[in-house]
Amino acid sequence: TQATTRPDGVVDLQAVMVERLRGESTRLRDEQRSLISASRANQNTQNRVHAAILFLLDAESFEHLIQTINTDLSVLLDLDVSVLLVESDGRSLPHAEQSGVRIVEEGFADLYLGNRDVALAGNLAGDEALFGAAANLVRSQALVRLNVSSEAPPCILALGSREPDMFHSGMRTELISFLARVLERCIRSWLDLPA
């Protein structure tokens, strides 16, 4: 829109200003919609994590807890796969081996996490060492170190999604870390381990 000149020679900027205000109004409305959408998505994620935690707390045995991790957690968090990986130093881990926990080699957690407690990555091909046969589904992942007990081997909770941007390095990790802390306590309680 251009300014017009009135018959008395005065430049009328009203049309220009109105058009500018309309554009600003549209931009602000779009930003507001985006903010509301993000807020709803965050609330939805928080509700899903809370529901998952309640399922973990409701487990009636260690085996039921592992079943909840391997099946219910994926559904509750809208993921494709969730796995608990436990390092073995070559000694038998009877509770783990009988329950569906994936046993991995010593040093596995440090290999995948380094000195981090949480590692998020998107746009990737799933790793069979983490997700087994479900690796071909995984396009983004969250790996969380579990510090179950001073008497327990290192563990990782691995979460995978077919959505390439479900997890990415710029995401906040408070909720997934809280989920991991609850899971640590559940495992510790069922196996009667010290902190």
N, C-alpha and C. Protein backbone atom coordinates (compact mmCIF):
# COMPACT_ATOMS: atom_id res chain seq x y z
N THR A 1 0.85 -1.18 0.00
CA THR A 1 0.00 0.00 0.00
C THR A 1 0.88 1.23 0.00
N GLN A 2 0.52 2.19 -0.82
CA GLN A 2 1.32 3.41 -0.92
C GLN A 2 0.57 4.58 -0.32
N ALA A 3 1.33 5.57 0.07
CA ALA A 3 0.71 6.80 0.58
C ALA A 3 0.05 7.53 -0.58
N THR A 4 -1.04 8.21 -0.28
CA THR A 4 -1.74 8.98 -1.31
C THR A 4 -1.57 10.47 -1.00
N THR A 5 -1.68 11.26 -2.05
CA THR A 5 -1.58 12.71 -1.88
C THR A 5 -2.98 13.30 -2.04
N ARG A 6 -3.42 14.05 -1.04
CA ARG A 6 -4.73 14.68 -1.09
C ARG A 6 -4.69 15.88 -2.03
N PRO A 7 -5.85 16.37 -2.45
CA PRO A 7 -5.89 17.52 -3.37
C PRO A 7 -5.18 18.76 -2.83
N ASP A 8 -5.11 18.88 -1.50
CA ASP A 8 -4.46 20.07 -0.95
C ASP A 8 -2.94 19.89 -0.84
N GLY A 9 -2.42 18.77 -1.38
CA GLY A 9 -0.98 18.55 -1.43
C GLY A 9 -0.42 17.84 -0.20
N VAL A 10 -1.23 17.53 0.77
CA VAL A 10 -0.77 16.84 1.98
C VAL A 10 -0.73 15.34 1.71
N VAL A 11 0.38 14.71 2.11
CA VAL A 11 0.55 13.27 1.92
C VAL A 11 -0.23 12.55 3.02
N ASP A 12 -1.12 11.63 2.60
CA ASP A 12 -1.95 10.88 3.54
C ASP A 12 -1.29 9.52 3.79
N LEU A 13 -0.78 9.32 5.00
CA LEU A 13 -0.09 8.08 5.37
C LEU A 13 -1.01 7.10 6.08
N GLN A 14 -2.28 7.46 6.20
CA GLN A 14 -3.21 6.62 6.95
C GLN A 14 -3.26 5.19 6.39
N ALA A 15 -3.39 5.05 5.09
CA ALA A 15 -3.47 3.72 4.49
C ALA A 15 -2.21 2.90 4.76
N VAL A 16 -1.07 3.54 4.71
CA VAL A 16 0.20 2.86 4.98
C VAL A 16 0.24 2.39 6.43
N MET A 17 -0.16 3.26 7.35
CA MET A 17 -0.14 2.93 8.78
C MET A 17 -1.14 1.80 9.09
N VAL A 18 -2.33 1.87 8.48
CA VAL A 18 -3.32 0.82 8.72
C VAL A 18 -2.79 -0.52 8.23
N GLU A 19 -2.19 -0.54 7.06
CA GLU A 19 -1.65 -1.79 6.52
C GLU A 19 -0.52 -2.33 7.41
N ARG A 20 0.33 -1.45 7.90
CA ARG A 20 1.42 -1.85 8.80
C ARG A 20 0.86 -2.44 10.09
N LEU A 21 -0.18 -1.81 10.65
CA LEU A 21 -0.80 -2.31 11.88
C LEU A 21 -1.47 -3.67 11.65
N ARG A 22 -2.09 -3.85 10.50
CA ARG A 22 -2.70 -5.15 10.18
C ARG A 22 -1.63 -6.24 10.12
N GLY A 23 -0.51 -5.94 9.48
CA GLY A 23 0.59 -6.90 9.41
C GLY A 23 1.12 -7.25 10.78
N GLU A 24 1.28 -6.25 11.63
CA GLU A 24 1.77 -6.47 13.00
C GLU A 24 0.77 -7.30 13.79
N SER A 25 -0.51 -7.00 13.62
CA SER A 25 -1.57 -7.75 14.30
C SER A 25 -1.55 -9.22 13.87
N THR A 26 -1.40 -9.47 12.59
CA THR A 26 -1.35 -10.84 12.07
C THR A 26 -0.13 -11.57 12.63
N ARG A 27 1.02 -10.91 12.67
CA ARG A 27 2.24 -11.52 13.20
C ARG A 27 2.07 -11.88 14.68
N LEU A 28 1.49 -10.97 15.46
CA LEU A 28 1.29 -11.23 16.88
C LEU A 28 0.29 -12.37 17.10
N ARG A 29 -0.75 -12.43 16.29
CA ARG A 29 -1.74 -13.50 16.40
C ARG A 29 -1.07 -14.85 16.09
N ASP A 30 -0.23 -14.89 15.07
CA ASP A 30 0.48 -16.13 14.72
C ASP A 30 1.42 -16.56 15.84
N GLU A 31 2.12 -15.60 16.44
CA GLU A 31 3.02 -15.92 17.56
C GLU A 31 2.23 -16.45 18.75
N GLN A 32 1.07 -15.84 19.01
CA GLN A 32 0.23 -16.29 20.12
C GLN A 32 -0.24 -17.72 19.89
N ARG A 33 -0.68 -18.04 18.68
CA ARG A 33 -1.11 -19.40 18.36
C ARG A 33 0.03 -20.39 18.53
N SER A 34 1.22 -20.01 18.08
CA SER A 34 2.38 -20.88 18.21
C SER A 34 2.71 -21.13 19.68
N LEU A 35 2.64 -20.09 20.50
CA LEU A 35 2.93 -20.21 21.93
C LEU A 35 1.90 -21.11 22.61
N ILE A 36 0.64 -20.93 22.27
CA ILE A 36 -0.42 -21.76 22.85
C ILE A 36 -0.23 -23.21 22.44
N SER A 37 0.11 -23.45 21.19
CA SER A 37 0.34 -24.81 20.69
C SER A 37 1.50 -25.46 21.43
N ALA A 38 2.60 -24.72 21.61
CA ALA A 38 3.76 -25.26 22.33
C ALA A 38 3.41 -25.55 23.78
N SER A 39 2.64 -24.67 24.39
CA SER A 39 2.23 -24.87 25.77
C SER A 39 1.37 -26.12 25.92
N ARG A 40 0.45 -26.33 24.99
CA ARG A 40 -0.38 -27.54 25.03
C ARG A 40 0.46 -28.79 24.83
N ALA A 41 1.42 -28.74 23.92
CA ALA A 41 2.29 -29.90 23.69
C ALA A 41 3.11 -30.21 24.94
N ASN A 42 3.63 -29.17 25.60
CA ASN A 42 4.40 -29.37 26.84
C ASN A 42 3.52 -29.98 27.93
N GLN A 43 2.29 -29.50 28.05
CA GLN A 43 1.37 -30.04 29.05
C GLN A 43 1.05 -31.50 28.75
N ASN A 44 0.86 -31.82 27.48
CA ASN A 44 0.58 -33.18 27.07
C ASN A 44 1.76 -34.10 27.42
N THR A 45 2.97 -33.64 27.15
CA THR A 45 4.17 -34.43 27.48
C THR A 45 4.27 -34.64 28.99
N GLN A 46 4.02 -33.58 29.75
CA GLN A 46 4.08 -33.69 31.22
C GLN A 46 3.04 -34.69 31.71
N ASN A 47 1.84 -34.65 31.18
CA ASN A 47 0.79 -35.59 31.59
C ASN A 47 1.18 -37.02 31.26
N ARG A 48 1.81 -37.23 30.09
CA ARG A 48 2.24 -38.57 29.69
C ARG A 48 3.31 -39.11 30.64
N VAL A 49 4.27 -38.25 31.00
CA VAL A 49 5.34 -38.68 31.91
C VAL A 49 4.76 -39.00 33.29
N HIS A 50 3.84 -38.19 33.77
CA HIS A 50 3.21 -38.46 35.07
C HIS A 50 2.46 -39.80 35.04
N ALA A 51 1.73 -40.06 33.96
CA ALA A 51 1.02 -41.34 33.84
C ALA A 51 2.01 -42.51 33.82
N ALA A 52 3.12 -42.35 33.11
CA ALA A 52 4.15 -43.40 33.05
C ALA A 52 4.72 -43.67 34.44
N ILE A 53 4.97 -42.62 35.19
CA ILE A 53 5.51 -42.77 36.54
C ILE A 53 4.53 -43.54 37.42
N LEU A 54 3.25 -43.22 37.32
CA LEU A 54 2.26 -43.95 38.11
C LEU A 54 2.25 -45.43 37.75
N PHE A 55 2.39 -45.75 36.47
CA PHE A 55 2.46 -47.16 36.06
C PHE A 55 3.68 -47.83 36.67
N LEU A 56 4.83 -47.15 36.67
CA LEU A 56 6.04 -47.73 37.27
C LEU A 56 5.83 -47.99 38.76
N LEU A 57 5.20 -47.04 39.42
CA LEU A 57 4.97 -47.17 40.87
C LEU A 57 3.96 -48.26 41.20
N ASP A 58 3.07 -48.57 40.26
CA ASP A 58 2.04 -49.59 40.48
C ASP A 58 2.52 -51.01 40.20
N ALA A 59 3.75 -51.17 39.74
CA ALA A 59 4.26 -52.51 39.44
C ALA A 59 4.17 -53.38 40.69
N GLU A 60 3.75 -54.64 40.49
CA GLU A 60 3.53 -55.54 41.61
C GLU A 60 4.71 -56.47 41.87
N SER A 61 5.73 -56.41 41.00
CA SER A 61 6.94 -57.21 41.18
C SER A 61 8.03 -56.60 40.31
N PHE A 62 9.25 -57.08 40.48
CA PHE A 62 10.33 -56.60 39.63
C PHE A 62 10.06 -56.96 38.18
N GLU A 63 9.59 -58.16 37.94
CA GLU A 63 9.29 -58.60 36.58
C GLU A 63 8.19 -57.74 35.96
N HIS A 64 7.20 -57.38 36.76
CA HIS A 64 6.12 -56.51 36.29
C HIS A 64 6.68 -55.12 35.97
N LEU A 65 7.61 -54.64 36.77
CA LEU A 65 8.26 -53.36 36.51
C LEU A 65 8.97 -53.38 35.16
N ILE A 66 9.72 -54.44 34.89
CA ILE A 66 10.44 -54.54 33.62
C ILE A 66 9.45 -54.66 32.45
N GLN A 67 8.38 -55.40 32.65
CA GLN A 67 7.34 -55.50 31.62
C GLN A 67 6.74 -54.12 31.35
N THR A 68 6.55 -53.35 32.40
CA THR A 68 6.02 -51.99 32.25
C THR A 68 6.98 -51.14 31.43
N ILE A 69 8.28 -51.27 31.70
CA ILE A 69 9.28 -50.52 30.94
C ILE A 69 9.26 -50.94 29.47
N ASN A 70 9.24 -52.24 29.23
CA ASN A 70 9.35 -52.76 27.86
C ASN A 70 8.09 -52.60 27.02
N THR A 71 6.94 -52.45 27.66
CA THR A 71 5.69 -52.37 26.88
C THR A 71 4.92 -51.09 27.17
N ASP A 72 4.49 -50.92 28.41
CA ASP A 72 3.60 -49.80 28.75
C ASP A 72 4.26 -48.44 28.57
N LEU A 73 5.53 -48.34 28.89
CA LEU A 73 6.22 -47.05 28.80
C LEU A 73 6.18 -46.49 27.38
N SER A 74 6.38 -47.35 26.40
CA SER A 74 6.34 -46.91 25.00
C SER A 74 4.97 -46.34 24.66
N VAL A 75 3.92 -47.04 25.06
CA VAL A 75 2.56 -46.60 24.76
C VAL A 75 2.26 -45.29 25.49
N LEU A 76 2.58 -45.24 26.76
CA LEU A 76 2.27 -44.07 27.58
C LEU A 76 3.01 -42.82 27.11
N LEU A 77 4.22 -42.99 26.61
CA LEU A 77 5.03 -41.84 26.18
C LEU A 77 4.93 -41.60 24.67
N ASP A 78 4.09 -42.36 24.00
CA ASP A 78 3.89 -42.24 22.55
C ASP A 78 5.20 -42.47 21.80
N LEU A 79 5.87 -43.57 22.17
CA LEU A 79 7.14 -43.94 21.56
C LEU A 79 6.98 -45.29 20.87
N ASP A 80 8.04 -45.74 20.22
CA ASP A 80 8.01 -47.03 19.54
C ASP A 80 8.72 -48.13 20.31
N VAL A 81 9.67 -47.74 21.15
CA VAL A 81 10.42 -48.75 21.91
C VAL A 81 11.02 -48.11 23.17
N SER A 82 11.00 -48.90 24.23
CA SER A 82 11.69 -48.50 25.47
C SER A 82 12.37 -49.75 26.02
N VAL A 83 13.61 -49.58 26.44
CA VAL A 83 14.44 -50.72 26.84
C VAL A 83 15.28 -50.34 28.06
N LEU A 84 15.40 -51.28 28.97
CA LEU A 84 16.34 -51.13 30.08
C LEU A 84 17.56 -51.98 29.78
N LEU A 85 18.73 -51.34 29.73
CA LEU A 85 19.99 -52.04 29.46
C LEU A 85 20.82 -52.03 30.74
N VAL A 86 21.36 -53.18 31.09
CA VAL A 86 22.17 -53.32 32.30
C VAL A 86 23.51 -53.90 31.93
N GLU A 87 24.58 -53.27 32.40
CA GLU A 87 25.93 -53.77 32.13
C GLU A 87 26.19 -55.03 32.95
N SER A 88 26.96 -55.93 32.37
CA SER A 88 27.37 -57.14 33.07
C SER A 88 28.89 -57.22 33.05
N ASP A 89 29.45 -57.60 34.17
CA ASP A 89 30.90 -57.78 34.23
C ASP A 89 31.25 -59.26 34.08
N GLY A 90 30.32 -60.02 33.53
CA GLY A 90 30.55 -61.45 33.35
C GLY A 90 29.90 -62.30 34.41
N ARG A 91 29.50 -61.68 35.53
CA ARG A 91 28.80 -62.43 36.57
C ARG A 91 27.32 -62.52 36.22
N SER A 92 26.68 -63.50 36.76
CA SER A 92 25.26 -63.72 36.48
C SER A 92 24.42 -62.61 37.12
N LEU A 93 23.40 -62.16 36.39
CA LEU A 93 22.43 -61.19 36.90
C LEU A 93 21.05 -61.85 36.82
N PRO A 94 20.75 -62.75 37.76
CA PRO A 94 19.55 -63.57 37.63
C PRO A 94 18.25 -62.76 37.51
N HIS A 95 18.09 -61.73 38.31
CA HIS A 95 16.86 -60.93 38.22
C HIS A 95 16.72 -60.32 36.83
N ALA A 96 17.82 -59.81 36.33
CA ALA A 96 17.79 -59.12 35.04
C ALA A 96 17.60 -60.11 33.89
N GLU A 97 18.35 -61.19 33.91
CA GLU A 97 18.32 -62.13 32.80
C GLU A 97 16.96 -62.79 32.62
N GLN A 98 16.23 -62.98 33.71
CA GLN A 98 14.95 -63.66 33.63
C GLN A 98 13.80 -62.71 33.32
N SER A 99 14.02 -61.41 33.34
CA SER A 99 12.91 -60.47 33.28
C SER A 99 12.75 -59.73 31.97
N GLY A 100 13.68 -59.87 31.05
CA GLY A 100 13.57 -59.13 29.80
C GLY A 100 14.46 -57.91 29.72
N VAL A 101 15.33 -57.74 30.68
CA VAL A 101 16.31 -56.67 30.64
C VAL A 101 17.37 -57.05 29.61
N ARG A 102 17.84 -56.07 28.84
CA ARG A 102 18.91 -56.34 27.88
C ARG A 102 20.25 -56.25 28.61
N ILE A 103 21.04 -57.29 28.55
CA ILE A 103 22.35 -57.32 29.19
C ILE A 103 23.38 -56.86 28.17
N VAL A 104 24.22 -55.91 28.57
CA VAL A 104 25.25 -55.36 27.68
C VAL A 104 26.61 -55.48 28.36
N GLU A 105 27.66 -55.28 27.57
CA GLU A 105 29.03 -55.42 28.09
C GLU A 105 29.39 -54.29 29.03
N GLU A 106 30.33 -54.58 29.89
CA GLU A 106 30.86 -53.58 30.81
C GLU A 106 31.43 -52.40 30.01
N GLY A 107 31.14 -51.18 30.45
CA GLY A 107 31.61 -49.98 29.77
C GLY A 107 30.62 -49.42 28.75
N PHE A 108 29.52 -50.13 28.54
CA PHE A 108 28.53 -49.75 27.55
C PHE A 108 27.95 -48.36 27.83
N ALA A 109 27.59 -48.09 29.08
CA ALA A 109 26.98 -46.79 29.43
C ALA A 109 27.93 -45.64 29.12
N ASP A 110 29.19 -45.79 29.49
CA ASP A 110 30.17 -44.73 29.21
C ASP A 110 30.41 -44.57 27.71
N LEU A 111 30.36 -45.67 26.98
CA LEU A 111 30.55 -45.62 25.54
C LEU A 111 29.45 -44.77 24.88
N TYR A 112 28.22 -44.95 25.31
CA TYR A 112 27.10 -44.25 24.69
C TYR A 112 26.80 -42.89 25.32
N LEU A 113 27.12 -42.73 26.60
CA LEU A 113 26.78 -41.48 27.28
C LEU A 113 27.98 -40.61 27.65
N GLY A 114 29.17 -41.20 27.64
CA GLY A 114 30.34 -40.43 28.08
C GLY A 114 30.14 -39.98 29.51
N ASN A 115 30.29 -38.69 29.77
CA ASN A 115 30.10 -38.19 31.13
C ASN A 115 28.72 -37.56 31.32
N ARG A 116 27.84 -37.73 30.33
CA ARG A 116 26.48 -37.16 30.41
C ARG A 116 25.53 -38.13 31.10
N ASP A 117 24.47 -37.59 31.67
CA ASP A 117 23.42 -38.43 32.23
C ASP A 117 22.29 -38.63 31.23
N VAL A 118 22.14 -37.70 30.29
CA VAL A 118 21.10 -37.79 29.27
C VAL A 118 21.71 -37.42 27.92
N ALA A 119 21.40 -38.22 26.90
CA ALA A 119 21.84 -37.91 25.54
C ALA A 119 20.63 -38.03 24.61
N LEU A 120 20.31 -36.95 23.94
CA LEU A 120 19.19 -36.93 23.00
C LEU A 120 19.74 -36.76 21.59
N ALA A 121 19.13 -37.46 20.65
CA ALA A 121 19.58 -37.35 19.25
C ALA A 121 18.41 -37.63 18.32
N GLY A 122 18.36 -36.86 17.24
CA GLY A 122 17.32 -37.05 16.24
C GLY A 122 17.92 -37.31 14.88
N ASN A 123 17.06 -37.61 13.94
CA ASN A 123 17.48 -37.87 12.56
C ASN A 123 18.62 -38.89 12.50
N LEU A 124 18.38 -40.07 13.04
CA LEU A 124 19.41 -41.10 13.05
C LEU A 124 18.80 -42.45 12.71
N ALA A 125 19.66 -43.39 12.45
CA ALA A 125 19.23 -44.77 12.25
C ALA A 125 19.39 -45.49 13.59
N GLY A 126 18.38 -46.24 13.99
CA GLY A 126 18.42 -46.94 15.27
C GLY A 126 19.60 -47.89 15.38
N ASP A 127 20.12 -48.02 16.59
CA ASP A 127 21.28 -48.85 16.87
C ASP A 127 20.81 -50.17 17.48
N GLU A 128 21.15 -51.28 16.83
CA GLU A 128 20.73 -52.59 17.31
C GLU A 128 21.30 -52.91 18.68
N ALA A 129 22.48 -52.37 18.99
CA ALA A 129 23.06 -52.61 20.31
C ALA A 129 22.18 -52.03 21.42
N LEU A 130 21.44 -50.99 21.10
CA LEU A 130 20.53 -50.38 22.06
C LEU A 130 19.13 -50.98 22.01
N PHE A 131 18.58 -51.09 20.82
CA PHE A 131 17.16 -51.41 20.67
C PHE A 131 16.87 -52.80 20.12
N GLY A 132 17.90 -53.60 19.88
CA GLY A 132 17.68 -54.95 19.39
C GLY A 132 16.92 -54.95 18.07
N ALA A 133 15.95 -55.87 17.96
CA ALA A 133 15.18 -56.03 16.72
C ALA A 133 14.35 -54.80 16.38
N ALA A 134 14.06 -53.95 17.35
CA ALA A 134 13.24 -52.75 17.11
C ALA A 134 14.08 -51.59 16.56
N ALA A 135 15.37 -51.77 16.39
CA ALA A 135 16.24 -50.68 15.95
C ALA A 135 15.81 -50.10 14.62
N ASN A 136 15.25 -50.93 13.74
CA ASN A 136 14.85 -50.41 12.42
C ASN A 136 13.70 -49.41 12.51
N LEU A 137 13.00 -49.36 13.64
CA LEU A 137 11.92 -48.37 13.84
C LEU A 137 12.45 -47.01 14.28
N VAL A 138 13.61 -47.00 14.90
CA VAL A 138 14.08 -45.81 15.62
C VAL A 138 14.72 -44.78 14.69
N ARG A 139 14.23 -43.54 14.79
CA ARG A 139 14.78 -42.41 14.04
C ARG A 139 15.22 -41.28 14.97
N SER A 140 14.84 -41.36 16.25
CA SER A 140 15.35 -40.44 17.27
C SER A 140 15.35 -41.19 18.60
N GLN A 141 16.26 -40.78 19.49
CA GLN A 141 16.41 -41.54 20.73
C GLN A 141 16.76 -40.65 21.90
N ALA A 142 16.40 -41.16 23.09
CA ALA A 142 16.82 -40.55 24.36
C ALA A 142 17.47 -41.66 25.16
N LEU A 143 18.69 -41.42 25.59
CA LEU A 143 19.41 -42.36 26.44
C LEU A 143 19.62 -41.70 27.79
N VAL A 144 19.24 -42.40 28.87
CA VAL A 144 19.32 -41.83 30.21
C VAL A 144 20.07 -42.80 31.11
N ARG A 145 21.10 -42.28 31.75
CA ARG A 145 21.88 -43.10 32.69
C ARG A 145 21.05 -43.30 33.96
N LEU A 146 21.01 -44.53 34.44
CA LEU A 146 20.34 -44.83 35.70
C LEU A 146 21.40 -45.18 36.74
N ASN A 147 21.40 -44.45 37.83
CA ASN A 147 22.31 -44.73 38.94
C ASN A 147 21.48 -45.41 40.03
N VAL A 148 21.26 -46.70 39.85
CA VAL A 148 20.35 -47.43 40.72
C VAL A 148 20.91 -47.56 42.12
N SER A 149 22.16 -48.00 42.24
CA SER A 149 22.73 -48.27 43.56
C SER A 149 24.23 -48.39 43.44
N SER A 150 24.91 -48.19 44.56
CA SER A 150 26.36 -48.41 44.58
C SER A 150 26.67 -49.89 44.40
N GLU A 151 25.68 -50.75 44.62
CA GLU A 151 25.88 -52.19 44.49
C GLU A 151 25.32 -52.74 43.17
N ALA A 152 24.85 -51.86 42.30
CA ALA A 152 24.27 -52.31 41.03
C ALA A 152 25.14 -51.84 39.87
N PRO A 153 25.17 -52.60 38.80
CA PRO A 153 25.95 -52.19 37.62
C PRO A 153 25.29 -50.99 36.93
N PRO A 154 26.05 -50.27 36.12
CA PRO A 154 25.47 -49.14 35.37
C PRO A 154 24.33 -49.60 34.47
N CYS A 155 23.33 -48.73 34.33
CA CYS A 155 22.15 -49.04 33.51
C CYS A 155 21.83 -47.84 32.62
N ILE A 156 21.12 -48.14 31.53
CA ILE A 156 20.62 -47.09 30.63
C ILE A 156 19.16 -47.37 30.34
N LEU A 157 18.35 -46.33 30.40
CA LEU A 157 17.00 -46.39 29.88
C LEU A 157 17.08 -45.81 28.48
N ALA A 158 16.74 -46.63 27.47
CA ALA A 158 16.80 -46.19 26.07
C ALA A 158 15.38 -46.06 25.54
N LEU A 159 15.05 -44.88 25.04
CA LEU A 159 13.73 -44.61 24.48
C LEU A 159 13.90 -44.26 23.01
N GLY A 160 13.11 -44.88 22.16
CA GLY A 160 13.24 -44.65 20.72
C GLY A 160 11.91 -44.33 20.06
N SER A 161 11.97 -43.48 19.04
CA SER A 161 10.78 -43.09 18.31
C SER A 161 11.04 -43.12 16.81
N ARG A 162 10.01 -43.44 16.04
CA ARG A 162 10.12 -43.39 14.58
C ARG A 162 10.06 -41.96 14.07
N GLU A 163 9.65 -41.02 14.93
CA GLU A 163 9.61 -39.60 14.56
C GLU A 163 11.02 -39.03 14.65
N PRO A 164 11.61 -38.55 13.56
CA PRO A 164 13.00 -38.10 13.58
C PRO A 164 13.26 -36.89 14.49
N ASP A 165 12.20 -36.16 14.84
CA ASP A 165 12.40 -34.99 15.69
C ASP A 165 11.74 -35.13 17.06
N MET A 166 11.34 -36.35 17.43
CA MET A 166 10.76 -36.57 18.77
C MET A 166 11.79 -36.20 19.84
N PHE A 167 13.04 -36.60 19.62
CA PHE A 167 14.14 -36.23 20.51
C PHE A 167 15.19 -35.51 19.68
N HIS A 168 15.76 -34.47 20.25
CA HIS A 168 16.86 -33.76 19.57
C HIS A 168 17.71 -33.06 20.63
N SER A 169 18.90 -32.70 20.26
CA SER A 169 19.88 -32.21 21.23
C SER A 169 19.48 -30.90 21.91
N GLY A 170 18.57 -30.14 21.34
CA GLY A 170 18.17 -28.88 21.96
C GLY A 170 17.04 -28.99 22.96
N MET A 171 16.51 -30.20 23.17
CA MET A 171 15.37 -30.38 24.06
C MET A 171 15.77 -30.25 25.53
N ARG A 172 14.79 -29.84 26.32
CA ARG A 172 14.99 -29.83 27.77
C ARG A 172 14.83 -31.26 28.28
N THR A 173 15.51 -31.59 29.36
CA THR A 173 15.54 -32.98 29.82
C THR A 173 15.01 -33.18 31.24
N GLU A 174 14.38 -32.17 31.83
CA GLU A 174 13.94 -32.29 33.21
C GLU A 174 12.96 -33.44 33.41
N LEU A 175 11.95 -33.56 32.53
CA LEU A 175 10.93 -34.59 32.71
C LEU A 175 11.51 -36.00 32.53
N ILE A 176 12.34 -36.18 31.53
CA ILE A 176 12.91 -37.51 31.30
C ILE A 176 13.88 -37.86 32.43
N SER A 177 14.57 -36.87 32.97
CA SER A 177 15.46 -37.11 34.10
C SER A 177 14.66 -37.49 35.34
N PHE A 178 13.53 -36.83 35.54
CA PHE A 178 12.67 -37.16 36.69
C PHE A 178 12.14 -38.58 36.55
N LEU A 179 11.71 -38.96 35.37
CA LEU A 179 11.25 -40.32 35.11
C LEU A 179 12.36 -41.31 35.47
N ALA A 180 13.58 -41.01 35.08
CA ALA A 180 14.72 -41.90 35.37
C ALA A 180 14.97 -42.00 36.87
N ARG A 181 14.85 -40.89 37.60
CA ARG A 181 15.08 -40.93 39.05
C ARG A 181 14.02 -41.80 39.73
N VAL A 182 12.78 -41.72 39.27
CA VAL A 182 11.72 -42.57 39.83
C VAL A 182 12.01 -44.03 39.51
N LEU A 183 12.41 -44.31 38.28
CA LEU A 183 12.73 -45.68 37.90
C LEU A 183 13.87 -46.25 38.74
N GLU A 184 14.88 -45.45 39.00
CA GLU A 184 15.98 -45.90 39.86
C GLU A 184 15.45 -46.36 41.22
N ARG A 185 14.59 -45.55 41.79
CA ARG A 185 14.04 -45.87 43.11
C ARG A 185 13.17 -47.13 43.06
N CYS A 186 12.42 -47.29 41.99
CA CYS A 186 11.59 -48.50 41.86
C CYS A 186 12.47 -49.75 41.79
N ILE A 187 13.50 -49.71 40.97
CA ILE A 187 14.40 -50.86 40.84
C ILE A 187 15.08 -51.15 42.18
N ARG A 188 15.58 -50.09 42.81
CA ARG A 188 16.26 -50.23 44.10
C ARG A 188 15.32 -50.88 45.11
N SER A 189 14.09 -50.46 45.13
CA SER A 189 13.11 -50.98 46.09
C SER A 189 12.83 -52.45 45.84
N TRP A 190 12.59 -52.84 44.57
CA TRP A 190 12.25 -54.22 44.26
C TRP A 190 13.43 -55.17 44.50
N LEU A 191 14.64 -54.68 44.28
CA LEU A 191 15.81 -55.55 44.47
C LEU A 191 16.46 -55.37 45.83
N ASP A 192 15.82 -54.56 46.67
CA ASP A 192 16.30 -54.34 48.05
C ASP A 192 17.77 -53.91 48.07
N LEU A 193 18.07 -52.88 47.27
CA LEU A 193 19.44 -52.38 47.17
C LEU A 193 19.57 -51.06 47.92
N PRO A 194 20.77 -50.78 48.43
CA PRO A 194 21.00 -49.46 49.07
C PRO A 194 21.13 -48.40 47.98
N ALA A 195 21.03 -47.15 48.38
CA ALA A 195 21.16 -46.04 47.42
C ALA A 195 22.58 -45.94 46.89
